[in-house]
Amino acid sequence: MEEYFVCPECGSDDVEVIKERGRELTLRCNECGNVWIITLPKLVKVPLIVSKHERSFKTFAELPEGEEIRVGDIVETEEDEVRITGIELEGDRRVEKAEIGKIKTLWGESLTYPKVIKVSIYVPGGVTQAFKVKVPRDEEFVVGEVLEVGGYTFKVEKIKTERKMLRHGKAKATEIISLMGHNIPRARARRSLEIYRGYDKESR
């Protein structure tokens, strides 16, 4: 777990560890020469269930005891980066935030696994063609752009994100739930989307 230190005298982050004894560290600021001692918080292993779309995996996160964690925070495991989506206390009680050390289980979404997004394409006759696509999490989608999936070309008219429905603007895949728009057969697509065909352990 990478630590970040700031000198209490001058505020510089050019700090080095000059002595380490258990959780006690002696630090020196390379800007002003100040030397001080800190004690790192005790780390506790918190059970963590990580979702990779329809598959879930049990692991744990080592987190500093006594600190607060919230839904939406990002934690690291030995193999993954995970955004917290649920916090469970004893008695199966779900909360939005809690103190580390009092948590029964954390739930989270892998940020290294590709994002799976729903696509709804409206075709003549009141029919909707529905797909799930797999995209990199940092890929952007813009209302008004033309895309292709499963042999259908469509114009993005609405983007549903975790917070709101967009009818203009753009969003990154990591926050998108679904794309919606009408089929436009003769249009030229900006890019094609890959249909999601189920969990793939090789996807990163």
N, C-alpha and C. Protein backbone atom coordinates (compact mmCIF):
# COMPACT_ATOMS: atom_id res chain seq x y z
N MET A 1 0.84 -1.18 0.00
CA MET A 1 0.00 0.00 0.00
C MET A 1 0.89 1.24 0.00
N GLU A 2 0.79 2.06 -1.02
CA GLU A 2 1.64 3.23 -1.16
C GLU A 2 1.18 4.33 -0.22
N GLU A 3 2.14 4.90 0.51
CA GLU A 3 1.82 5.98 1.44
C GLU A 3 2.28 7.32 0.86
N TYR A 4 1.58 8.36 1.22
CA TYR A 4 1.87 9.70 0.74
C TYR A 4 2.05 10.59 1.95
N PHE A 5 3.22 11.26 2.05
CA PHE A 5 3.53 12.06 3.23
C PHE A 5 3.77 13.51 2.84
N VAL A 6 3.40 14.42 3.75
CA VAL A 6 3.61 15.85 3.56
C VAL A 6 4.30 16.40 4.80
N CYS A 7 5.29 17.23 4.61
CA CYS A 7 6.03 17.81 5.74
C CYS A 7 5.11 18.75 6.53
N PRO A 8 5.03 18.57 7.85
CA PRO A 8 4.16 19.43 8.67
C PRO A 8 4.72 20.85 8.84
N GLU A 9 5.99 21.05 8.50
CA GLU A 9 6.61 22.36 8.66
C GLU A 9 6.45 23.23 7.42
N CYS A 10 6.81 22.67 6.23
CA CYS A 10 6.79 23.50 5.01
C CYS A 10 5.75 23.06 3.99
N GLY A 11 5.12 21.90 4.21
CA GLY A 11 4.08 21.44 3.29
C GLY A 11 4.59 20.72 2.06
N SER A 12 5.90 20.49 1.97
CA SER A 12 6.47 19.80 0.81
C SER A 12 6.13 18.31 0.84
N ASP A 13 5.98 17.73 -0.36
CA ASP A 13 5.77 16.28 -0.41
C ASP A 13 7.05 15.55 -0.82
N ASP A 14 8.18 16.27 -0.83
CA ASP A 14 9.48 15.64 -1.10
C ASP A 14 10.01 15.09 0.21
N VAL A 15 9.45 13.94 0.59
CA VAL A 15 9.71 13.35 1.90
C VAL A 15 10.24 11.93 1.72
N GLU A 16 11.23 11.56 2.53
CA GLU A 16 11.75 10.20 2.47
C GLU A 16 11.72 9.54 3.84
N VAL A 17 11.59 8.21 3.82
CA VAL A 17 11.63 7.43 5.05
C VAL A 17 13.08 7.12 5.36
N ILE A 18 13.55 7.57 6.52
CA ILE A 18 14.96 7.32 6.87
C ILE A 18 15.11 6.20 7.90
N LYS A 19 13.98 5.81 8.54
CA LYS A 19 14.04 4.71 9.49
C LYS A 19 12.64 4.11 9.61
N GLU A 20 12.60 2.80 9.70
CA GLU A 20 11.32 2.10 9.80
C GLU A 20 11.41 1.02 10.86
N ARG A 21 10.50 1.06 11.82
CA ARG A 21 10.45 0.04 12.88
C ARG A 21 8.99 -0.32 13.10
N GLY A 22 8.58 -1.46 12.51
CA GLY A 22 7.18 -1.85 12.56
C GLY A 22 6.32 -0.81 11.86
N ARG A 23 5.34 -0.28 12.58
CA ARG A 23 4.46 0.75 12.02
C ARG A 23 4.97 2.16 12.31
N GLU A 24 6.11 2.26 12.98
CA GLU A 24 6.68 3.57 13.29
C GLU A 24 7.71 3.97 12.24
N LEU A 25 7.51 5.13 11.64
CA LEU A 25 8.40 5.62 10.59
C LEU A 25 9.04 6.94 11.02
N THR A 26 10.33 7.06 10.71
CA THR A 26 11.02 8.34 10.87
C THR A 26 11.18 8.95 9.48
N LEU A 27 10.68 10.16 9.32
CA LEU A 27 10.65 10.81 8.02
C LEU A 27 11.53 12.06 8.02
N ARG A 28 12.05 12.39 6.82
CA ARG A 28 12.83 13.61 6.67
C ARG A 28 12.37 14.35 5.42
N CYS A 29 12.17 15.66 5.57
CA CYS A 29 11.79 16.50 4.43
C CYS A 29 13.05 16.94 3.70
N ASN A 30 13.10 16.68 2.41
CA ASN A 30 14.27 17.06 1.60
C ASN A 30 14.26 18.53 1.22
N GLU A 31 13.18 19.24 1.55
CA GLU A 31 13.10 20.67 1.25
C GLU A 31 13.65 21.51 2.41
N CYS A 32 13.14 21.24 3.63
CA CYS A 32 13.54 22.07 4.78
C CYS A 32 14.38 21.31 5.81
N GLY A 33 14.53 19.99 5.64
CA GLY A 33 15.35 19.21 6.56
C GLY A 33 14.64 18.76 7.82
N ASN A 34 13.36 19.07 7.96
CA ASN A 34 12.61 18.67 9.15
C ASN A 34 12.55 17.15 9.28
N VAL A 35 12.74 16.66 10.51
CA VAL A 35 12.67 15.22 10.79
C VAL A 35 11.55 15.00 11.82
N TRP A 36 10.69 14.02 11.55
CA TRP A 36 9.60 13.72 12.49
C TRP A 36 9.24 12.25 12.43
N ILE A 37 8.47 11.80 13.42
CA ILE A 37 8.09 10.39 13.55
C ILE A 37 6.57 10.27 13.46
N ILE A 38 6.11 9.28 12.73
CA ILE A 38 4.68 8.99 12.69
C ILE A 38 4.47 7.50 12.94
N THR A 39 3.27 7.15 13.35
CA THR A 39 2.89 5.75 13.51
C THR A 39 1.77 5.45 12.54
N LEU A 40 2.01 4.52 11.66
CA LEU A 40 0.99 4.17 10.67
C LEU A 40 -0.16 3.44 11.35
N PRO A 41 -1.38 3.63 10.86
CA PRO A 41 -2.52 2.91 11.44
C PRO A 41 -2.41 1.42 11.17
N LYS A 42 -3.01 0.65 12.07
CA LYS A 42 -3.03 -0.80 11.90
C LYS A 42 -3.90 -1.15 10.70
N LEU A 43 -3.40 -2.05 9.86
CA LEU A 43 -4.18 -2.50 8.71
C LEU A 43 -4.98 -3.74 9.07
N VAL A 44 -6.24 -3.76 8.67
CA VAL A 44 -7.09 -4.92 8.91
C VAL A 44 -7.58 -5.46 7.57
N LYS A 45 -7.75 -6.77 7.52
CA LYS A 45 -8.24 -7.41 6.31
C LYS A 45 -9.77 -7.40 6.32
N VAL A 46 -10.34 -6.73 5.34
CA VAL A 46 -11.80 -6.63 5.24
C VAL A 46 -12.27 -7.50 4.07
N PRO A 47 -13.19 -8.45 4.30
CA PRO A 47 -13.72 -9.26 3.19
C PRO A 47 -14.30 -8.36 2.10
N LEU A 48 -13.98 -8.70 0.85
CA LEU A 48 -14.42 -7.89 -0.28
C LEU A 48 -14.91 -8.81 -1.39
N ILE A 49 -16.14 -8.55 -1.86
CA ILE A 49 -16.69 -9.32 -2.97
C ILE A 49 -16.65 -8.42 -4.21
N VAL A 50 -15.86 -8.85 -5.21
CA VAL A 50 -15.61 -8.05 -6.40
C VAL A 50 -16.44 -8.57 -7.56
N SER A 51 -17.19 -7.67 -8.18
CA SER A 51 -18.03 -8.02 -9.33
C SER A 51 -17.30 -7.74 -10.63
N LYS A 52 -17.30 -8.73 -11.52
CA LYS A 52 -16.85 -8.55 -12.90
C LYS A 52 -18.04 -8.91 -13.77
N HIS A 53 -18.96 -7.97 -13.85
CA HIS A 53 -20.28 -8.13 -14.46
C HIS A 53 -21.04 -9.26 -13.78
N GLU A 54 -21.34 -10.36 -14.48
CA GLU A 54 -22.21 -11.37 -13.86
C GLU A 54 -21.46 -12.32 -12.94
N ARG A 55 -20.15 -12.21 -12.87
CA ARG A 55 -19.35 -13.06 -11.99
C ARG A 55 -18.87 -12.26 -10.78
N SER A 56 -18.80 -12.92 -9.63
CA SER A 56 -18.31 -12.28 -8.41
C SER A 56 -17.22 -13.14 -7.79
N PHE A 57 -16.24 -12.50 -7.18
CA PHE A 57 -15.09 -13.19 -6.62
C PHE A 57 -14.82 -12.68 -5.21
N LYS A 58 -14.54 -13.61 -4.29
CA LYS A 58 -14.25 -13.24 -2.92
C LYS A 58 -12.76 -12.98 -2.74
N THR A 59 -12.42 -11.85 -2.13
CA THR A 59 -11.05 -11.52 -1.82
C THR A 59 -11.07 -10.67 -0.54
N PHE A 60 -10.05 -9.86 -0.31
CA PHE A 60 -10.05 -8.96 0.84
C PHE A 60 -9.23 -7.73 0.50
N ALA A 61 -9.47 -6.67 1.24
CA ALA A 61 -8.69 -5.44 1.10
C ALA A 61 -8.05 -5.13 2.45
N GLU A 62 -6.79 -4.75 2.45
CA GLU A 62 -6.10 -4.33 3.67
C GLU A 62 -6.29 -2.82 3.82
N LEU A 63 -7.01 -2.41 4.86
CA LEU A 63 -7.38 -1.02 5.03
C LEU A 63 -7.04 -0.54 6.44
N PRO A 64 -6.76 0.77 6.60
CA PRO A 64 -6.36 1.29 7.91
C PRO A 64 -7.52 1.33 8.91
N GLU A 65 -7.34 0.65 10.03
CA GLU A 65 -8.37 0.56 11.05
C GLU A 65 -8.74 1.94 11.58
N GLY A 66 -10.04 2.16 11.74
CA GLY A 66 -10.51 3.41 12.31
C GLY A 66 -10.87 4.47 11.30
N GLU A 67 -10.36 4.35 10.06
CA GLU A 67 -10.71 5.32 9.04
C GLU A 67 -12.09 5.01 8.45
N GLU A 68 -12.68 6.01 7.83
CA GLU A 68 -14.01 5.85 7.26
C GLU A 68 -13.93 5.53 5.77
N ILE A 69 -14.80 4.64 5.32
CA ILE A 69 -14.89 4.33 3.91
C ILE A 69 -16.34 4.54 3.46
N ARG A 70 -16.49 5.02 2.22
CA ARG A 70 -17.81 5.34 1.68
C ARG A 70 -18.06 4.59 0.39
N VAL A 71 -19.34 4.41 0.06
CA VAL A 71 -19.71 3.90 -1.26
C VAL A 71 -19.18 4.89 -2.30
N GLY A 72 -18.50 4.36 -3.32
CA GLY A 72 -17.89 5.20 -4.33
C GLY A 72 -16.39 5.33 -4.19
N ASP A 73 -15.86 5.04 -2.98
CA ASP A 73 -14.41 5.07 -2.78
C ASP A 73 -13.74 3.95 -3.57
N ILE A 74 -12.47 4.14 -3.87
CA ILE A 74 -11.71 3.15 -4.63
C ILE A 74 -10.64 2.55 -3.72
N VAL A 75 -10.57 1.23 -3.68
CA VAL A 75 -9.55 0.52 -2.90
C VAL A 75 -8.77 -0.40 -3.82
N GLU A 76 -7.59 -0.77 -3.36
CA GLU A 76 -6.74 -1.67 -4.14
C GLU A 76 -6.58 -3.00 -3.42
N THR A 77 -6.59 -4.08 -4.20
CA THR A 77 -6.24 -5.40 -3.70
C THR A 77 -4.92 -5.79 -4.34
N GLU A 78 -4.45 -6.99 -4.08
CA GLU A 78 -3.19 -7.43 -4.68
C GLU A 78 -3.29 -7.50 -6.20
N GLU A 79 -4.49 -7.74 -6.73
CA GLU A 79 -4.65 -7.97 -8.17
C GLU A 79 -5.57 -6.98 -8.87
N ASP A 80 -6.21 -6.09 -8.14
CA ASP A 80 -7.27 -5.32 -8.77
C ASP A 80 -7.42 -3.94 -8.14
N GLU A 81 -8.14 -3.09 -8.88
CA GLU A 81 -8.57 -1.80 -8.37
C GLU A 81 -10.10 -1.86 -8.35
N VAL A 82 -10.69 -1.53 -7.22
CA VAL A 82 -12.12 -1.80 -7.01
C VAL A 82 -12.84 -0.56 -6.51
N ARG A 83 -13.98 -0.24 -7.12
CA ARG A 83 -14.83 0.85 -6.65
C ARG A 83 -15.90 0.26 -5.74
N ILE A 84 -16.01 0.77 -4.52
CA ILE A 84 -16.95 0.23 -3.54
C ILE A 84 -18.39 0.57 -3.94
N THR A 85 -19.23 -0.46 -4.00
CA THR A 85 -20.64 -0.28 -4.36
C THR A 85 -21.58 -0.61 -3.21
N GLY A 86 -21.06 -1.27 -2.16
CA GLY A 86 -21.90 -1.62 -1.02
C GLY A 86 -21.07 -1.86 0.22
N ILE A 87 -21.62 -1.48 1.38
CA ILE A 87 -20.96 -1.69 2.67
C ILE A 87 -21.95 -2.41 3.57
N GLU A 88 -21.54 -3.56 4.09
CA GLU A 88 -22.44 -4.38 4.91
C GLU A 88 -21.88 -4.50 6.32
N LEU A 89 -22.74 -4.20 7.30
CA LEU A 89 -22.38 -4.36 8.71
C LEU A 89 -22.97 -5.66 9.24
N GLU A 90 -22.67 -5.97 10.49
CA GLU A 90 -23.26 -7.14 11.12
C GLU A 90 -24.79 -7.01 11.09
N GLY A 91 -25.47 -8.15 10.95
CA GLY A 91 -26.92 -8.13 10.83
C GLY A 91 -27.38 -7.85 9.42
N ASP A 92 -26.42 -7.97 8.47
CA ASP A 92 -26.72 -7.76 7.05
C ASP A 92 -27.28 -6.36 6.78
N ARG A 93 -26.85 -5.39 7.56
CA ARG A 93 -27.33 -4.01 7.38
C ARG A 93 -26.44 -3.28 6.39
N ARG A 94 -27.04 -2.69 5.37
CA ARG A 94 -26.30 -1.95 4.35
C ARG A 94 -26.28 -0.46 4.70
N VAL A 95 -25.11 0.16 4.55
CA VAL A 95 -24.95 1.58 4.85
C VAL A 95 -24.14 2.24 3.74
N GLU A 96 -24.14 3.57 3.71
CA GLU A 96 -23.40 4.33 2.71
C GLU A 96 -21.97 4.61 3.14
N LYS A 97 -21.71 4.57 4.44
CA LYS A 97 -20.37 4.79 4.95
C LYS A 97 -20.22 4.08 6.29
N ALA A 98 -18.98 3.75 6.65
CA ALA A 98 -18.75 3.06 7.91
C ALA A 98 -17.27 3.14 8.27
N GLU A 99 -17.00 2.89 9.55
CA GLU A 99 -15.63 2.89 10.04
C GLU A 99 -15.00 1.52 9.80
N ILE A 100 -13.80 1.53 9.26
CA ILE A 100 -13.08 0.28 9.02
C ILE A 100 -12.78 -0.37 10.37
N GLY A 101 -13.11 -1.63 10.48
CA GLY A 101 -13.00 -2.35 11.74
C GLY A 101 -14.37 -2.76 12.23
N LYS A 102 -15.41 -2.08 11.70
CA LYS A 102 -16.78 -2.41 12.07
C LYS A 102 -17.54 -2.99 10.89
N ILE A 103 -16.84 -3.23 9.80
CA ILE A 103 -17.48 -3.67 8.56
C ILE A 103 -17.43 -5.19 8.45
N LYS A 104 -18.55 -5.78 8.10
CA LYS A 104 -18.60 -7.23 7.88
C LYS A 104 -18.09 -7.58 6.49
N THR A 105 -18.60 -6.90 5.46
CA THR A 105 -18.22 -7.18 4.07
C THR A 105 -18.31 -5.92 3.22
N LEU A 106 -17.38 -5.77 2.31
CA LEU A 106 -17.44 -4.73 1.30
C LEU A 106 -17.81 -5.38 -0.03
N TRP A 107 -18.55 -4.64 -0.85
CA TRP A 107 -18.90 -5.08 -2.19
C TRP A 107 -18.35 -4.06 -3.17
N GLY A 108 -17.86 -4.53 -4.31
CA GLY A 108 -17.28 -3.57 -5.25
C GLY A 108 -17.28 -4.06 -6.68
N GLU A 109 -16.99 -3.12 -7.58
CA GLU A 109 -16.93 -3.38 -9.01
C GLU A 109 -15.49 -3.24 -9.47
N SER A 110 -14.99 -4.26 -10.17
CA SER A 110 -13.63 -4.22 -10.70
C SER A 110 -13.48 -3.09 -11.70
N LEU A 111 -12.41 -2.30 -11.54
CA LEU A 111 -12.14 -1.22 -12.49
C LEU A 111 -11.11 -1.63 -13.53
N THR A 112 -10.64 -2.88 -13.47
CA THR A 112 -9.72 -3.37 -14.48
C THR A 112 -10.44 -4.22 -15.52
N TYR A 113 -11.65 -4.69 -15.18
CA TYR A 113 -12.44 -5.47 -16.13
C TYR A 113 -13.22 -4.51 -17.02
N PRO A 114 -13.35 -4.82 -18.33
CA PRO A 114 -14.07 -3.91 -19.23
C PRO A 114 -15.49 -3.62 -18.74
N LYS A 115 -15.98 -2.45 -19.10
CA LYS A 115 -17.34 -2.06 -18.76
C LYS A 115 -18.32 -2.73 -19.72
N VAL A 116 -19.42 -3.24 -19.18
CA VAL A 116 -20.47 -3.84 -20.01
C VAL A 116 -21.66 -2.87 -20.00
N ILE A 117 -22.06 -2.45 -21.19
CA ILE A 117 -23.11 -1.43 -21.35
C ILE A 117 -24.27 -2.01 -22.16
N LYS A 118 -25.49 -1.65 -21.76
CA LYS A 118 -26.66 -2.05 -22.53
C LYS A 118 -26.86 -1.09 -23.71
N VAL A 119 -27.31 -1.63 -24.84
CA VAL A 119 -27.61 -0.81 -26.01
C VAL A 119 -29.02 -1.15 -26.48
N SER A 120 -29.87 -0.13 -26.60
CA SER A 120 -31.24 -0.31 -27.09
C SER A 120 -31.38 0.46 -28.40
N ILE A 121 -31.69 -0.28 -29.49
CA ILE A 121 -31.83 0.33 -30.81
C ILE A 121 -33.28 0.20 -31.25
N TYR A 122 -33.92 1.34 -31.51
CA TYR A 122 -35.32 1.36 -31.90
C TYR A 122 -35.42 1.25 -33.42
N VAL A 123 -36.14 0.22 -33.88
CA VAL A 123 -36.31 -0.03 -35.31
C VAL A 123 -37.79 0.13 -35.67
N PRO A 124 -38.11 0.27 -36.98
CA PRO A 124 -39.52 0.46 -37.38
C PRO A 124 -40.43 -0.65 -36.88
N GLY A 125 -41.70 -0.28 -36.61
CA GLY A 125 -42.67 -1.25 -36.14
C GLY A 125 -42.73 -1.35 -34.64
N GLY A 126 -42.05 -0.43 -33.94
CA GLY A 126 -42.10 -0.43 -32.49
C GLY A 126 -41.24 -1.50 -31.84
N VAL A 127 -40.29 -2.03 -32.61
CA VAL A 127 -39.42 -3.10 -32.10
C VAL A 127 -38.12 -2.50 -31.56
N THR A 128 -37.62 -3.08 -30.49
CA THR A 128 -36.33 -2.65 -29.93
C THR A 128 -35.34 -3.80 -29.98
N GLN A 129 -34.20 -3.55 -30.60
CA GLN A 129 -33.12 -4.53 -30.61
C GLN A 129 -32.20 -4.22 -29.43
N ALA A 130 -32.00 -5.20 -28.56
CA ALA A 130 -31.21 -4.98 -27.35
C ALA A 130 -29.91 -5.79 -27.39
N PHE A 131 -28.82 -5.15 -27.01
CA PHE A 131 -27.51 -5.80 -26.97
C PHE A 131 -26.81 -5.42 -25.66
N LYS A 132 -25.79 -6.19 -25.34
CA LYS A 132 -24.83 -5.79 -24.33
C LYS A 132 -23.48 -5.73 -25.02
N VAL A 133 -22.74 -4.65 -24.78
CA VAL A 133 -21.44 -4.49 -25.43
C VAL A 133 -20.34 -4.34 -24.38
N LYS A 134 -19.12 -4.69 -24.76
CA LYS A 134 -17.97 -4.62 -23.87
C LYS A 134 -17.02 -3.55 -24.39
N VAL A 135 -16.70 -2.57 -23.55
CA VAL A 135 -15.86 -1.45 -23.98
C VAL A 135 -14.85 -1.10 -22.89
N PRO A 136 -13.71 -0.49 -23.26
CA PRO A 136 -12.77 0.00 -22.25
C PRO A 136 -13.43 1.05 -21.38
N ARG A 137 -13.09 1.07 -20.11
CA ARG A 137 -13.76 1.95 -19.16
C ARG A 137 -13.50 3.44 -19.42
N ASP A 138 -12.38 3.78 -20.05
CA ASP A 138 -12.09 5.19 -20.29
C ASP A 138 -12.60 5.68 -21.64
N GLU A 139 -13.29 4.82 -22.40
CA GLU A 139 -13.81 5.21 -23.70
C GLU A 139 -15.00 6.16 -23.53
N GLU A 140 -15.05 7.21 -24.36
CA GLU A 140 -16.11 8.20 -24.26
C GLU A 140 -17.19 7.97 -25.32
N PHE A 141 -18.43 8.28 -24.94
CA PHE A 141 -19.57 8.23 -25.86
C PHE A 141 -20.25 9.59 -25.85
N VAL A 142 -20.69 10.01 -27.04
CA VAL A 142 -21.26 11.34 -27.21
C VAL A 142 -22.66 11.23 -27.79
N VAL A 143 -23.61 11.97 -27.22
CA VAL A 143 -24.95 12.03 -27.78
C VAL A 143 -24.85 12.62 -29.19
N GLY A 144 -25.45 11.93 -30.17
CA GLY A 144 -25.40 12.38 -31.54
C GLY A 144 -24.46 11.59 -32.42
N GLU A 145 -23.54 10.83 -31.83
CA GLU A 145 -22.61 10.06 -32.65
C GLU A 145 -23.31 8.81 -33.19
N VAL A 146 -22.78 8.30 -34.30
CA VAL A 146 -23.35 7.13 -34.96
C VAL A 146 -22.45 5.91 -34.71
N LEU A 147 -23.06 4.84 -34.23
CA LEU A 147 -22.32 3.62 -33.88
C LEU A 147 -22.94 2.42 -34.57
N GLU A 148 -22.19 1.31 -34.56
CA GLU A 148 -22.69 0.06 -35.15
C GLU A 148 -22.50 -1.07 -34.15
N VAL A 149 -23.53 -1.92 -34.05
CA VAL A 149 -23.42 -3.12 -33.23
C VAL A 149 -24.37 -4.17 -33.78
N GLY A 150 -23.88 -5.39 -33.91
CA GLY A 150 -24.70 -6.50 -34.36
C GLY A 150 -25.36 -6.30 -35.71
N GLY A 151 -24.72 -5.54 -36.59
CA GLY A 151 -25.28 -5.31 -37.92
C GLY A 151 -26.24 -4.13 -37.99
N TYR A 152 -26.48 -3.45 -36.87
CA TYR A 152 -27.35 -2.29 -36.82
C TYR A 152 -26.53 -1.01 -36.66
N THR A 153 -26.86 0.00 -37.44
CA THR A 153 -26.25 1.32 -37.29
C THR A 153 -27.27 2.22 -36.61
N PHE A 154 -26.85 2.94 -35.58
CA PHE A 154 -27.80 3.78 -34.85
C PHE A 154 -27.14 5.06 -34.37
N LYS A 155 -27.98 6.07 -34.18
CA LYS A 155 -27.53 7.35 -33.65
C LYS A 155 -27.85 7.41 -32.16
N VAL A 156 -26.84 7.70 -31.35
CA VAL A 156 -27.03 7.80 -29.90
C VAL A 156 -27.88 9.03 -29.58
N GLU A 157 -29.06 8.80 -29.02
CA GLU A 157 -29.97 9.90 -28.68
C GLU A 157 -30.02 10.16 -27.18
N LYS A 158 -29.78 9.12 -26.40
CA LYS A 158 -29.77 9.26 -24.94
C LYS A 158 -28.67 8.37 -24.35
N ILE A 159 -28.05 8.86 -23.31
CA ILE A 159 -27.06 8.10 -22.56
C ILE A 159 -27.51 8.07 -21.10
N LYS A 160 -27.80 6.88 -20.59
CA LYS A 160 -28.17 6.75 -19.18
C LYS A 160 -26.92 6.45 -18.36
N THR A 161 -26.61 7.33 -17.43
CA THR A 161 -25.46 7.12 -16.56
C THR A 161 -25.95 6.72 -15.16
N GLU A 162 -25.03 6.51 -14.26
CA GLU A 162 -25.39 6.13 -12.89
C GLU A 162 -26.11 7.26 -12.18
N ARG A 163 -25.95 8.50 -12.66
CA ARG A 163 -26.53 9.65 -11.97
C ARG A 163 -27.71 10.28 -12.68
N LYS A 164 -27.72 10.25 -14.02
CA LYS A 164 -28.77 10.95 -14.75
C LYS A 164 -28.88 10.46 -16.18
N MET A 165 -29.90 10.96 -16.88
CA MET A 165 -30.10 10.67 -18.29
C MET A 165 -29.60 11.86 -19.10
N LEU A 166 -28.68 11.60 -20.02
CA LEU A 166 -28.13 12.67 -20.86
C LEU A 166 -28.81 12.68 -22.22
N ARG A 167 -29.26 13.86 -22.65
CA ARG A 167 -29.81 14.04 -24.00
C ARG A 167 -28.89 14.91 -24.85
N HIS A 168 -27.80 15.34 -24.25
CA HIS A 168 -26.73 16.03 -24.97
C HIS A 168 -25.47 15.88 -24.12
N GLY A 169 -24.32 16.10 -24.75
CA GLY A 169 -23.07 15.95 -24.01
C GLY A 169 -22.45 14.57 -24.18
N LYS A 170 -21.55 14.23 -23.28
CA LYS A 170 -20.81 12.97 -23.38
C LYS A 170 -20.55 12.39 -21.99
N ALA A 171 -20.13 11.15 -21.98
CA ALA A 171 -19.81 10.47 -20.72
C ALA A 171 -18.82 9.36 -20.99
N LYS A 172 -18.05 9.02 -19.96
CA LYS A 172 -17.12 7.90 -20.07
C LYS A 172 -17.85 6.59 -19.78
N ALA A 173 -17.36 5.53 -20.41
CA ALA A 173 -18.02 4.22 -20.28
C ALA A 173 -18.15 3.77 -18.83
N THR A 174 -17.17 4.09 -18.00
CA THR A 174 -17.18 3.60 -16.62
C THR A 174 -18.42 4.04 -15.84
N GLU A 175 -19.07 5.16 -16.27
CA GLU A 175 -20.26 5.64 -15.55
C GLU A 175 -21.55 5.41 -16.34
N ILE A 176 -21.46 4.77 -17.51
CA ILE A 176 -22.64 4.59 -18.36
C ILE A 176 -23.33 3.26 -18.06
N ILE A 177 -24.66 3.30 -18.02
CA ILE A 177 -25.47 2.10 -17.86
C ILE A 177 -25.98 1.64 -19.23
N SER A 178 -26.48 2.58 -20.04
CA SER A 178 -27.03 2.18 -21.34
C SER A 178 -26.97 3.32 -22.36
N LEU A 179 -26.97 2.91 -23.64
CA LEU A 179 -27.06 3.83 -24.78
C LEU A 179 -28.37 3.54 -25.50
N MET A 180 -29.04 4.59 -25.99
CA MET A 180 -30.32 4.41 -26.67
C MET A 180 -30.38 5.28 -27.91
N GLY A 181 -30.99 4.75 -28.98
CA GLY A 181 -31.14 5.53 -30.19
C GLY A 181 -31.86 4.77 -31.29
N HIS A 182 -32.21 5.48 -32.38
CA HIS A 182 -32.94 4.88 -33.50
C HIS A 182 -31.99 4.33 -34.55
N ASN A 183 -32.45 3.27 -35.18
CA ASN A 183 -31.71 2.65 -36.27
C ASN A 183 -31.69 3.57 -37.49
N ILE A 184 -30.50 3.79 -38.09
CA ILE A 184 -30.38 4.58 -39.32
C ILE A 184 -29.49 3.78 -40.28
N PRO A 185 -30.11 2.90 -41.07
CA PRO A 185 -29.40 1.90 -41.87
C PRO A 185 -28.33 2.43 -42.82
N ARG A 186 -28.55 3.59 -43.44
CA ARG A 186 -27.61 4.05 -44.47
C ARG A 186 -26.53 4.99 -43.94
N ALA A 187 -26.52 5.21 -42.65
CA ALA A 187 -25.52 6.10 -42.06
C ALA A 187 -24.17 5.39 -41.91
N ARG A 188 -23.13 6.19 -41.85
CA ARG A 188 -21.79 5.65 -41.68
C ARG A 188 -21.41 5.71 -40.19
N ALA A 189 -21.11 4.57 -39.62
CA ALA A 189 -20.82 4.51 -38.18
C ALA A 189 -19.42 5.02 -37.88
N ARG A 190 -19.31 5.73 -36.77
CA ARG A 190 -18.00 6.22 -36.31
C ARG A 190 -17.11 5.06 -35.84
N ARG A 191 -17.75 4.09 -35.19
CA ARG A 191 -17.02 2.89 -34.77
C ARG A 191 -17.99 1.78 -34.46
N SER A 192 -17.47 0.55 -34.41
CA SER A 192 -18.29 -0.62 -34.10
C SER A 192 -18.03 -1.04 -32.66
N LEU A 193 -19.07 -1.56 -32.03
CA LEU A 193 -18.97 -2.00 -30.65
C LEU A 193 -18.96 -3.52 -30.59
N GLU A 194 -18.18 -4.05 -29.64
CA GLU A 194 -18.05 -5.50 -29.49
C GLU A 194 -19.17 -6.04 -28.60
N ILE A 195 -19.91 -7.01 -29.10
CA ILE A 195 -20.99 -7.62 -28.32
C ILE A 195 -20.40 -8.42 -27.17
N TYR A 196 -20.98 -8.25 -25.98
CA TYR A 196 -20.53 -8.98 -24.80
C TYR A 196 -21.14 -10.38 -24.80
N ARG A 197 -20.28 -11.38 -24.72
CA ARG A 197 -20.75 -12.77 -24.81
C ARG A 197 -20.50 -13.54 -23.51
N GLY A 198 -20.34 -12.85 -22.43
CA GLY A 198 -20.15 -13.52 -21.15
C GLY A 198 -18.77 -13.27 -20.58
N TYR A 199 -18.62 -13.59 -19.30
CA TYR A 199 -17.37 -13.35 -18.57
C TYR A 199 -16.19 -14.01 -19.26
N ASP A 200 -15.11 -13.24 -19.37
CA ASP A 200 -13.86 -13.72 -19.95
C ASP A 200 -12.74 -13.37 -18.98
N LYS A 201 -12.14 -14.37 -18.36
CA LYS A 201 -11.12 -14.12 -17.34
C LYS A 201 -9.89 -13.47 -17.92
N GLU A 202 -9.72 -13.52 -19.25
CA GLU A 202 -8.54 -12.90 -19.86
C GLU A 202 -8.74 -11.41 -20.11
N SER A 203 -9.97 -10.92 -20.00
CA SER A 203 -10.24 -9.50 -20.27
C SER A 203 -9.64 -8.64 -19.18
N ARG A 204 -8.94 -7.61 -19.56
CA ARG A 204 -8.33 -6.67 -18.62
C ARG A 204 -8.55 -5.26 -19.12
